[in-house]
Amino acid sequence: SDSLHCIHLIKGPQVKYHIHAVFILDIKELTSQNNASLCHTFREGNQCANFFAKLGASSDADFSSHDSPPEGVRDLIRNDAI
């Protein structure tokens, strides 16, 4: 899916009839309660997110948790910080 489209759904007016309307509303509430903000960036602007998206897409697990950064992401974290 297009992440910019998702950002517009979350930041825009309430959508009652979207297939994911409940999730969108949950995200809106969580971001407002935690004083968080969302913004779009291209894949090249956040290589860590791209890495984890690919990692998740290649996994059969429903949920994954990491106690430390997986192999291959440490350099990306450093690059994103710069």
N, C-alpha and C. Protein backbone atom coordinates (compact mmCIF):
# COMPACT_ATOMS: atom_id res chain seq x y z
N SER A 1 0.84 -1.19 0.00
CA SER A 1 0.00 0.00 0.00
C SER A 1 0.88 1.24 0.00
N ASP A 2 0.31 2.34 -0.28
CA ASP A 2 1.03 3.61 -0.35
C ASP A 2 1.03 4.26 1.02
N SER A 3 2.19 4.45 1.61
CA SER A 3 2.25 5.01 2.96
C SER A 3 1.76 6.45 3.02
N LEU A 4 1.94 7.22 1.96
CA LEU A 4 1.43 8.58 1.94
C LEU A 4 -0.09 8.56 2.03
N HIS A 5 -0.70 7.61 1.35
CA HIS A 5 -2.15 7.45 1.44
C HIS A 5 -2.57 7.17 2.88
N CYS A 6 -1.82 6.32 3.58
CA CYS A 6 -2.11 6.00 4.98
C CYS A 6 -2.00 7.23 5.86
N ILE A 7 -0.98 8.03 5.64
CA ILE A 7 -0.81 9.26 6.41
C ILE A 7 -2.01 10.18 6.21
N HIS A 8 -2.47 10.30 4.97
CA HIS A 8 -3.63 11.14 4.68
C HIS A 8 -4.88 10.60 5.38
N LEU A 9 -5.04 9.28 5.42
CA LEU A 9 -6.19 8.69 6.10
C LEU A 9 -6.15 8.97 7.59
N ILE A 10 -4.97 8.91 8.18
CA ILE A 10 -4.84 9.11 9.62
C ILE A 10 -4.96 10.59 9.99
N LYS A 11 -4.37 11.46 9.20
CA LYS A 11 -4.38 12.88 9.53
C LYS A 11 -5.63 13.60 9.05
N GLY A 12 -6.36 12.99 8.13
CA GLY A 12 -7.53 13.62 7.55
C GLY A 12 -8.78 13.43 8.39
N PRO A 13 -9.92 13.83 7.83
CA PRO A 13 -11.18 13.68 8.55
C PRO A 13 -11.53 12.20 8.74
N GLN A 14 -12.40 11.94 9.70
CA GLN A 14 -12.80 10.56 10.00
C GLN A 14 -13.45 9.92 8.77
N VAL A 15 -13.04 8.69 8.50
CA VAL A 15 -13.62 7.92 7.40
C VAL A 15 -14.44 6.78 7.99
N LYS A 16 -15.76 6.88 7.87
CA LYS A 16 -16.66 5.91 8.50
C LYS A 16 -16.74 4.60 7.74
N TYR A 17 -16.60 4.65 6.43
CA TYR A 17 -16.89 3.47 5.61
C TYR A 17 -15.66 2.83 4.99
N HIS A 18 -14.50 3.14 5.50
CA HIS A 18 -13.27 2.52 5.02
C HIS A 18 -13.15 1.13 5.65
N ILE A 19 -12.59 0.17 4.94
CA ILE A 19 -12.46 -1.19 5.45
C ILE A 19 -11.66 -1.24 6.75
N HIS A 20 -10.74 -0.29 6.94
CA HIS A 20 -9.91 -0.25 8.14
C HIS A 20 -10.26 0.94 9.04
N ALA A 21 -11.50 1.38 9.00
CA ALA A 21 -11.92 2.58 9.74
C ALA A 21 -11.63 2.46 11.24
N VAL A 22 -11.84 1.29 11.82
CA VAL A 22 -11.60 1.10 13.26
C VAL A 22 -10.12 1.27 13.57
N PHE A 23 -9.25 0.69 12.76
CA PHE A 23 -7.80 0.82 12.97
C PHE A 23 -7.35 2.27 12.79
N ILE A 24 -7.89 2.93 11.80
CA ILE A 24 -7.53 4.33 11.54
C ILE A 24 -7.91 5.18 12.74
N LEU A 25 -9.11 4.96 13.28
CA LEU A 25 -9.55 5.71 14.46
C LEU A 25 -8.66 5.41 15.66
N ASP A 26 -8.29 4.15 15.85
CA ASP A 26 -7.39 3.77 16.95
C ASP A 26 -6.06 4.50 16.83
N ILE A 27 -5.51 4.56 15.63
CA ILE A 27 -4.23 5.24 15.42
C ILE A 27 -4.38 6.73 15.70
N LYS A 28 -5.48 7.33 15.24
CA LYS A 28 -5.72 8.75 15.50
C LYS A 28 -5.74 9.01 17.01
N GLU A 29 -6.44 8.15 17.75
CA GLU A 29 -6.53 8.33 19.20
C GLU A 29 -5.18 8.14 19.88
N LEU A 30 -4.44 7.12 19.48
CA LEU A 30 -3.12 6.87 20.08
C LEU A 30 -2.16 8.02 19.83
N THR A 31 -2.16 8.55 18.62
CA THR A 31 -1.24 9.65 18.33
C THR A 31 -1.63 10.92 19.09
N SER A 32 -2.93 11.16 19.26
CA SER A 32 -3.34 12.35 20.00
C SER A 32 -3.08 12.20 21.49
N GLN A 33 -3.27 11.00 22.05
CA GLN A 33 -3.03 10.76 23.48
C GLN A 33 -1.55 10.84 23.84
N ASN A 34 -0.71 10.44 22.92
CA ASN A 34 0.72 10.39 23.19
C ASN A 34 1.49 11.56 22.60
N ASN A 35 0.77 12.56 22.13
CA ASN A 35 1.39 13.75 21.55
C ASN A 35 2.41 13.37 20.48
N ALA A 36 2.03 12.41 19.64
CA ALA A 36 2.90 11.95 18.56
C ALA A 36 2.46 12.58 17.26
N SER A 37 3.36 12.63 16.31
CA SER A 37 3.01 13.14 15.00
C SER A 37 3.50 12.17 13.94
N LEU A 38 2.85 12.18 12.81
CA LEU A 38 3.20 11.32 11.69
C LEU A 38 3.56 12.19 10.50
N CYS A 39 4.56 11.77 9.77
CA CYS A 39 4.90 12.46 8.53
C CYS A 39 5.42 11.43 7.54
N HIS A 40 5.24 11.71 6.29
CA HIS A 40 5.66 10.81 5.22
C HIS A 40 7.11 11.05 4.88
N THR A 41 7.81 9.98 4.64
CA THR A 41 9.16 10.08 4.10
C THR A 41 9.34 8.99 3.06
N PHE A 42 10.14 9.24 2.08
CA PHE A 42 10.39 8.22 1.07
C PHE A 42 11.27 7.13 1.64
N ARG A 43 11.23 5.98 1.05
CA ARG A 43 12.01 4.82 1.48
C ARG A 43 13.48 5.17 1.69
N GLU A 44 14.02 5.99 0.83
CA GLU A 44 15.43 6.37 0.94
C GLU A 44 15.68 7.22 2.18
N GLY A 45 14.65 7.86 2.69
CA GLY A 45 14.79 8.72 3.86
C GLY A 45 14.70 7.98 5.17
N ASN A 46 14.27 6.73 5.15
CA ASN A 46 14.19 5.94 6.37
C ASN A 46 14.52 4.50 6.04
N GLN A 47 15.77 4.22 5.93
CA GLN A 47 16.20 2.88 5.53
C GLN A 47 15.88 1.84 6.59
N CYS A 48 15.80 2.25 7.86
CA CYS A 48 15.47 1.29 8.91
C CYS A 48 14.03 0.79 8.74
N ALA A 49 13.11 1.69 8.49
CA ALA A 49 11.73 1.27 8.28
C ALA A 49 11.63 0.36 7.07
N ASN A 50 12.34 0.67 6.02
CA ASN A 50 12.36 -0.17 4.83
C ASN A 50 12.91 -1.56 5.15
N PHE A 51 13.99 -1.61 5.95
CA PHE A 51 14.59 -2.87 6.36
C PHE A 51 13.57 -3.74 7.11
N PHE A 52 12.88 -3.13 8.09
CA PHE A 52 11.93 -3.90 8.90
C PHE A 52 10.69 -4.29 8.10
N ALA A 53 10.30 -3.46 7.15
CA ALA A 53 9.17 -3.83 6.29
C ALA A 53 9.51 -5.06 5.46
N LYS A 54 10.71 -5.07 4.90
CA LYS A 54 11.15 -6.24 4.13
C LYS A 54 11.31 -7.46 5.02
N LEU A 55 11.84 -7.28 6.22
CA LEU A 55 12.01 -8.38 7.16
C LEU A 55 10.66 -8.99 7.53
N GLY A 56 9.68 -8.15 7.79
CA GLY A 56 8.34 -8.63 8.12
C GLY A 56 7.67 -9.33 6.96
N ALA A 57 7.86 -8.79 5.76
CA ALA A 57 7.23 -9.39 4.57
C ALA A 57 7.82 -10.75 4.26
N SER A 58 9.06 -10.97 4.64
CA SER A 58 9.71 -12.26 4.34
C SER A 58 9.51 -13.29 5.46
N SER A 59 8.80 -12.91 6.51
CA SER A 59 8.61 -13.80 7.66
C SER A 59 7.20 -14.39 7.66
N ASP A 60 7.08 -15.61 8.17
CA ASP A 60 5.77 -16.24 8.32
C ASP A 60 5.16 -15.95 9.69
N ALA A 61 5.92 -15.33 10.57
CA ALA A 61 5.47 -15.06 11.94
C ALA A 61 4.41 -13.96 11.94
N ASP A 62 3.43 -14.10 12.83
CA ASP A 62 2.41 -13.07 13.00
C ASP A 62 2.95 -11.87 13.76
N PHE A 63 3.93 -12.13 14.62
CA PHE A 63 4.50 -11.06 15.44
C PHE A 63 5.98 -11.37 15.69
N SER A 64 6.81 -10.36 15.63
CA SER A 64 8.24 -10.53 15.93
C SER A 64 8.67 -9.44 16.89
N SER A 65 9.51 -9.80 17.83
CA SER A 65 10.06 -8.85 18.79
C SER A 65 11.58 -9.02 18.79
N HIS A 66 12.29 -7.91 18.91
CA HIS A 66 13.76 -7.95 18.88
C HIS A 66 14.30 -7.28 20.13
N ASP A 67 15.16 -7.99 20.86
CA ASP A 67 15.80 -7.41 22.05
C ASP A 67 16.94 -6.48 21.67
N SER A 68 17.51 -6.69 20.52
CA SER A 68 18.56 -5.83 19.99
C SER A 68 18.39 -5.75 18.48
N PRO A 69 18.99 -4.76 17.86
CA PRO A 69 18.83 -4.61 16.41
C PRO A 69 19.28 -5.87 15.66
N PRO A 70 18.48 -6.34 14.72
CA PRO A 70 18.87 -7.51 13.93
C PRO A 70 20.12 -7.22 13.10
N GLU A 71 20.79 -8.30 12.74
CA GLU A 71 21.98 -8.18 11.89
C GLU A 71 21.63 -7.41 10.62
N GLY A 72 22.44 -6.46 10.27
CA GLY A 72 22.23 -5.70 9.04
C GLY A 72 21.56 -4.36 9.23
N VAL A 73 21.03 -4.09 10.43
CA VAL A 73 20.31 -2.83 10.61
C VAL A 73 21.14 -1.78 11.36
N ARG A 74 22.21 -2.17 12.03
CA ARG A 74 23.00 -1.20 12.81
C ARG A 74 23.57 -0.08 11.94
N ASP A 75 24.13 -0.43 10.80
CA ASP A 75 24.66 0.60 9.89
C ASP A 75 23.54 1.51 9.39
N LEU A 76 22.37 0.93 9.16
CA LEU A 76 21.24 1.74 8.69
C LEU A 76 20.78 2.72 9.77
N ILE A 77 20.80 2.28 11.03
CA ILE A 77 20.45 3.17 12.14
C ILE A 77 21.41 4.35 12.17
N ARG A 78 22.69 4.06 12.02
CA ARG A 78 23.71 5.12 12.00
C ARG A 78 23.46 6.08 10.84
N ASN A 79 23.17 5.53 9.65
CA ASN A 79 22.91 6.37 8.47
C ASN A 79 21.67 7.22 8.65
N ASP A 80 20.60 6.65 9.22
CA ASP A 80 19.38 7.42 9.44
C ASP A 80 19.61 8.55 10.44
N ALA A 81 20.46 8.31 11.44
CA ALA A 81 20.74 9.32 12.43
C ALA A 81 21.47 10.53 11.83
N ILE A 82 22.27 10.24 10.81
CA ILE A 82 23.03 11.31 10.16
C ILE A 82 22.09 12.15 9.32
